[in-house]
């Protein structure tokens, strides 16, 4: 268990140090902060306010998720076009 906790802190620290934490969705930012410092704005993982910011419906409704989903769909469309082209050539 100690190895898991130490690894979580190390990973969260790397996200913070390289600046990539700013690109995380709000619930993930809070979780990374909790992983590194054991709290987020004074709230621990079991705090009701943290729990309120992480339901799936809030995540799916976010601009961050919409942009991510759009990018993934564009990549998938390109992949399947390549598959279709390959099959047509075959």
N, C-alpha and C. Protein backbone atom coordinates (compact mmCIF):
# COMPACT_ATOMS: atom_id res chain seq x y z
N UNK A 1 0.82 -1.19 0.00
CA UNK A 1 0.00 0.00 0.00
C UNK A 1 0.87 1.26 0.00
N UNK A 2 1.95 1.21 0.74
CA UNK A 2 2.85 2.38 0.78
C UNK A 2 3.43 2.67 -0.61
N UNK A 3 3.75 1.60 -1.35
CA UNK A 3 4.30 1.79 -2.70
C UNK A 3 3.30 2.50 -3.60
N UNK A 4 2.02 2.16 -3.47
CA UNK A 4 0.98 2.80 -4.29
C UNK A 4 0.88 4.28 -3.94
N UNK A 5 0.86 4.59 -2.65
CA UNK A 5 0.74 5.98 -2.22
C UNK A 5 1.94 6.80 -2.67
N UNK A 6 3.13 6.25 -2.54
CA UNK A 6 4.34 6.96 -2.96
C UNK A 6 4.32 7.19 -4.47
N UNK A 7 3.90 6.19 -5.22
CA UNK A 7 3.83 6.33 -6.68
C UNK A 7 2.80 7.38 -7.08
N UNK A 8 1.64 7.39 -6.41
CA UNK A 8 0.62 8.39 -6.71
C UNK A 8 1.16 9.80 -6.48
N UNK A 9 1.84 10.00 -5.39
CA UNK A 9 2.41 11.32 -5.10
C UNK A 9 3.44 11.72 -6.17
N UNK A 10 4.26 10.75 -6.57
CA UNK A 10 5.29 11.03 -7.56
C UNK A 10 4.66 11.40 -8.91
N UNK A 11 3.66 10.64 -9.33
CA UNK A 11 2.99 10.91 -10.60
C UNK A 11 2.29 12.26 -10.57
N UNK A 12 1.57 12.55 -9.49
CA UNK A 12 0.89 13.84 -9.38
C UNK A 12 1.89 14.99 -9.39
N UNK A 13 3.03 14.78 -8.77
CA UNK A 13 4.08 15.81 -8.75
C UNK A 13 4.58 16.07 -10.17
N UNK A 14 4.74 15.02 -10.98
CA UNK A 14 5.21 15.19 -12.35
C UNK A 14 4.21 15.99 -13.17
N UNK A 15 2.90 15.70 -13.01
CA UNK A 15 1.88 16.48 -13.73
C UNK A 15 1.95 17.95 -13.34
N UNK A 16 2.19 18.20 -12.09
CA UNK A 16 2.25 19.57 -11.59
C UNK A 16 3.50 20.28 -12.10
N UNK A 17 4.63 19.60 -12.02
CA UNK A 17 5.90 20.22 -12.39
C UNK A 17 6.02 20.49 -13.88
N UNK A 18 5.47 19.60 -14.72
CA UNK A 18 5.61 19.84 -16.16
C UNK A 18 4.50 20.73 -16.72
N UNK A 19 3.57 21.13 -15.86
CA UNK A 19 2.52 22.06 -16.27
C UNK A 19 1.32 21.42 -16.95
N UNK A 20 1.35 20.11 -17.15
CA UNK A 20 0.25 19.47 -17.85
C UNK A 20 -1.02 19.40 -17.02
N UNK A 21 -0.92 19.67 -15.73
CA UNK A 21 -2.11 19.65 -14.87
C UNK A 21 -3.13 20.71 -15.31
N UNK A 22 -2.66 21.78 -15.93
CA UNK A 22 -3.59 22.84 -16.35
C UNK A 22 -4.52 22.37 -17.47
N UNK A 23 -4.17 21.29 -18.16
CA UNK A 23 -5.00 20.77 -19.24
C UNK A 23 -6.00 19.71 -18.75
N UNK A 24 -5.93 19.36 -17.49
CA UNK A 24 -6.83 18.35 -16.94
C UNK A 24 -8.21 18.96 -16.67
N UNK A 25 -9.23 18.13 -16.75
CA UNK A 25 -10.58 18.59 -16.41
C UNK A 25 -10.62 18.89 -14.91
N UNK A 26 -11.55 19.73 -14.45
CA UNK A 26 -11.58 20.13 -13.04
C UNK A 26 -11.56 18.98 -12.02
N UNK A 27 -12.36 17.92 -12.21
CA UNK A 27 -12.28 16.83 -11.22
C UNK A 27 -10.90 16.17 -11.19
N UNK A 28 -10.25 16.05 -12.36
CA UNK A 28 -8.92 15.44 -12.40
C UNK A 28 -7.89 16.35 -11.76
N UNK A 29 -8.01 17.67 -11.98
CA UNK A 29 -7.10 18.60 -11.31
C UNK A 29 -7.19 18.45 -9.80
N UNK A 30 -8.42 18.38 -9.31
CA UNK A 30 -8.63 18.22 -7.86
C UNK A 30 -8.03 16.91 -7.39
N UNK A 31 -8.26 15.83 -8.12
CA UNK A 31 -7.72 14.53 -7.72
C UNK A 31 -6.20 14.53 -7.71
N UNK A 32 -5.57 15.11 -8.74
CA UNK A 32 -4.12 15.18 -8.77
C UNK A 32 -3.58 15.99 -7.59
N UNK A 33 -4.27 17.06 -7.25
CA UNK A 33 -3.86 17.88 -6.11
C UNK A 33 -3.97 17.07 -4.82
N UNK A 34 -5.05 16.31 -4.68
CA UNK A 34 -5.23 15.46 -3.49
C UNK A 34 -4.15 14.37 -3.45
N UNK A 35 -3.83 13.80 -4.60
CA UNK A 35 -2.80 12.77 -4.65
C UNK A 35 -1.45 13.31 -4.19
N UNK A 36 -1.17 14.55 -4.53
CA UNK A 36 0.14 15.12 -4.18
C UNK A 36 0.17 15.71 -2.78
N UNK A 37 -0.88 16.45 -2.40
CA UNK A 37 -0.84 17.19 -1.14
C UNK A 37 -1.81 16.67 -0.08
N UNK A 38 -2.54 15.61 -0.39
CA UNK A 38 -3.55 15.02 0.52
C UNK A 38 -4.77 15.90 0.71
N UNK A 39 -4.87 17.00 -0.02
CA UNK A 39 -6.08 17.83 0.04
C UNK A 39 -6.16 18.69 -1.21
N UNK A 40 -7.34 19.22 -1.44
CA UNK A 40 -7.59 20.15 -2.55
C UNK A 40 -8.38 21.31 -1.97
N UNK A 41 -7.76 22.47 -1.95
CA UNK A 41 -8.37 23.66 -1.35
C UNK A 41 -8.89 23.35 0.05
N UNK A 42 -8.10 22.60 0.80
CA UNK A 42 -8.45 22.24 2.18
C UNK A 42 -9.42 21.08 2.31
N UNK A 43 -9.81 20.49 1.20
CA UNK A 43 -10.77 19.38 1.22
C UNK A 43 -10.05 18.07 0.90
N UNK A 44 -10.39 17.04 1.65
CA UNK A 44 -9.82 15.73 1.38
C UNK A 44 -10.73 14.98 0.40
N UNK A 45 -10.31 13.80 -0.01
CA UNK A 45 -11.03 13.01 -0.99
C UNK A 45 -12.46 12.70 -0.56
N UNK A 46 -12.69 12.54 0.73
CA UNK A 46 -14.02 12.18 1.21
C UNK A 46 -14.92 13.38 1.49
N UNK A 47 -14.45 14.59 1.20
CA UNK A 47 -15.24 15.80 1.44
C UNK A 47 -16.41 15.86 0.46
N UNK A 48 -17.61 16.21 0.91
CA UNK A 48 -18.78 16.26 0.02
C UNK A 48 -18.61 17.20 -1.17
N UNK A 49 -17.89 18.29 -0.99
CA UNK A 49 -17.71 19.24 -2.10
C UNK A 49 -16.84 18.64 -3.21
N UNK A 50 -15.85 17.83 -2.83
CA UNK A 50 -15.06 17.15 -3.86
C UNK A 50 -15.93 16.13 -4.57
N UNK A 51 -16.69 15.38 -3.82
CA UNK A 51 -17.58 14.38 -4.43
C UNK A 51 -18.57 15.04 -5.38
N UNK A 52 -19.02 16.25 -5.05
CA UNK A 52 -20.00 16.95 -5.89
C UNK A 52 -19.40 17.40 -7.22
N UNK A 53 -18.10 17.59 -7.27
CA UNK A 53 -17.49 18.08 -8.52
C UNK A 53 -17.09 16.94 -9.44
N UNK A 54 -17.31 15.71 -9.04
CA UNK A 54 -16.82 14.62 -9.87
C UNK A 54 -17.87 13.66 -10.43
N UNK A 55 -19.17 13.97 -10.37
CA UNK A 55 -20.11 13.05 -11.01
C UNK A 55 -19.90 13.00 -12.51
N UNK A 56 -20.21 11.88 -13.08
CA UNK A 56 -20.02 11.67 -14.51
C UNK A 56 -20.80 12.69 -15.34
N UNK A 57 -21.99 13.07 -14.90
CA UNK A 57 -22.79 14.00 -15.70
C UNK A 57 -22.11 15.36 -15.83
N UNK A 58 -21.44 15.83 -14.80
CA UNK A 58 -20.71 17.10 -14.86
C UNK A 58 -19.53 16.97 -15.81
N UNK A 59 -18.85 15.84 -15.72
CA UNK A 59 -17.70 15.58 -16.58
C UNK A 59 -18.12 15.57 -18.04
N UNK A 60 -19.18 14.83 -18.36
CA UNK A 60 -19.64 14.74 -19.75
C UNK A 60 -20.15 16.07 -20.27
N UNK A 61 -20.65 16.93 -19.43
CA UNK A 61 -21.19 18.22 -19.85
C UNK A 61 -20.12 19.29 -20.02
N UNK A 62 -18.89 18.99 -19.67
CA UNK A 62 -17.83 20.01 -19.68
C UNK A 62 -17.33 20.30 -21.10
N UNK A 63 -16.85 21.53 -21.31
CA UNK A 63 -16.23 21.91 -22.58
C UNK A 63 -15.00 21.07 -22.86
N UNK A 64 -14.25 20.76 -21.79
CA UNK A 64 -13.04 19.96 -21.92
C UNK A 64 -13.37 18.60 -22.53
N UNK A 65 -14.40 17.96 -22.03
CA UNK A 65 -14.76 16.63 -22.53
C UNK A 65 -15.27 16.71 -23.97
N UNK A 66 -16.05 17.73 -24.28
CA UNK A 66 -16.57 17.89 -25.65
C UNK A 66 -15.41 18.03 -26.64
N UNK A 67 -14.41 18.83 -26.29
CA UNK A 67 -13.25 19.00 -27.17
C UNK A 67 -12.48 17.69 -27.32
N UNK A 68 -12.32 17.00 -26.23
CA UNK A 68 -11.60 15.72 -26.25
C UNK A 68 -12.35 14.70 -27.11
N UNK A 69 -13.66 14.64 -26.94
CA UNK A 69 -14.47 13.72 -27.71
C UNK A 69 -14.43 14.06 -29.21
N UNK A 70 -14.49 15.34 -29.53
CA UNK A 70 -14.40 15.76 -30.92
C UNK A 70 -13.09 15.36 -31.56
N UNK A 71 -12.00 15.53 -30.84
CA UNK A 71 -10.68 15.14 -31.35
C UNK A 71 -10.61 13.63 -31.56
N UNK A 72 -11.14 12.87 -30.62
CA UNK A 72 -11.14 11.41 -30.74
C UNK A 72 -11.98 10.96 -31.94
N UNK A 73 -13.12 11.59 -32.14
CA UNK A 73 -13.98 11.24 -33.27
C UNK A 73 -13.29 11.53 -34.60
N UNK A 74 -12.57 12.64 -34.67
CA UNK A 74 -11.86 12.98 -35.91
C UNK A 74 -10.78 11.93 -36.21
N UNK A 75 -10.07 11.50 -35.20
CA UNK A 75 -9.05 10.47 -35.37
C UNK A 75 -9.68 9.16 -35.82
N UNK A 76 -10.80 8.79 -35.19
CA UNK A 76 -11.49 7.55 -35.55
C UNK A 76 -12.01 7.60 -36.99
N UNK A 77 -12.54 8.75 -37.40
CA UNK A 77 -13.02 8.88 -38.79
C UNK A 77 -11.88 8.66 -39.78
N UNK A 78 -10.73 9.25 -39.51
CA UNK A 78 -9.57 9.07 -40.40
C UNK A 78 -9.16 7.60 -40.46
N UNK A 79 -9.14 6.95 -39.32
CA UNK A 79 -8.75 5.55 -39.27
C UNK A 79 -9.70 4.69 -40.10
N UNK A 80 -11.00 4.90 -39.91
CA UNK A 80 -11.96 4.08 -40.63
C UNK A 80 -11.99 4.41 -42.13
N UNK A 81 -11.69 5.63 -42.49
CA UNK A 81 -11.56 5.96 -43.92
C UNK A 81 -10.39 5.19 -44.53
N UNK A 82 -9.29 5.11 -43.79
CA UNK A 82 -8.14 4.34 -44.26
C UNK A 82 -8.52 2.86 -44.43
N UNK A 83 -9.27 2.34 -43.48
CA UNK A 83 -9.71 0.94 -43.58
C UNK A 83 -10.57 0.73 -44.83
N UNK A 84 -11.51 1.63 -45.05
CA UNK A 84 -12.40 1.53 -46.22
C UNK A 84 -11.58 1.62 -47.50
N UNK A 85 -10.67 2.59 -47.57
CA UNK A 85 -9.81 2.73 -48.76
C UNK A 85 -9.01 1.47 -49.02
N UNK A 86 -8.48 0.90 -47.97
CA UNK A 86 -7.69 -0.32 -48.11
C UNK A 86 -8.55 -1.45 -48.67
N UNK A 87 -9.75 -1.60 -48.10
CA UNK A 87 -10.63 -2.67 -48.55
C UNK A 87 -11.08 -2.46 -50.00
N UNK A 88 -11.32 -1.20 -50.38
CA UNK A 88 -11.70 -0.92 -51.77
C UNK A 88 -10.56 -1.23 -52.73
N UNK A 89 -9.35 -0.92 -52.33
CA UNK A 89 -8.19 -1.23 -53.18
C UNK A 89 -7.96 -2.74 -53.26
N UNK A 90 -8.22 -3.43 -52.19
CA UNK A 90 -8.04 -4.88 -52.14
C UNK A 90 -8.99 -5.55 -53.10
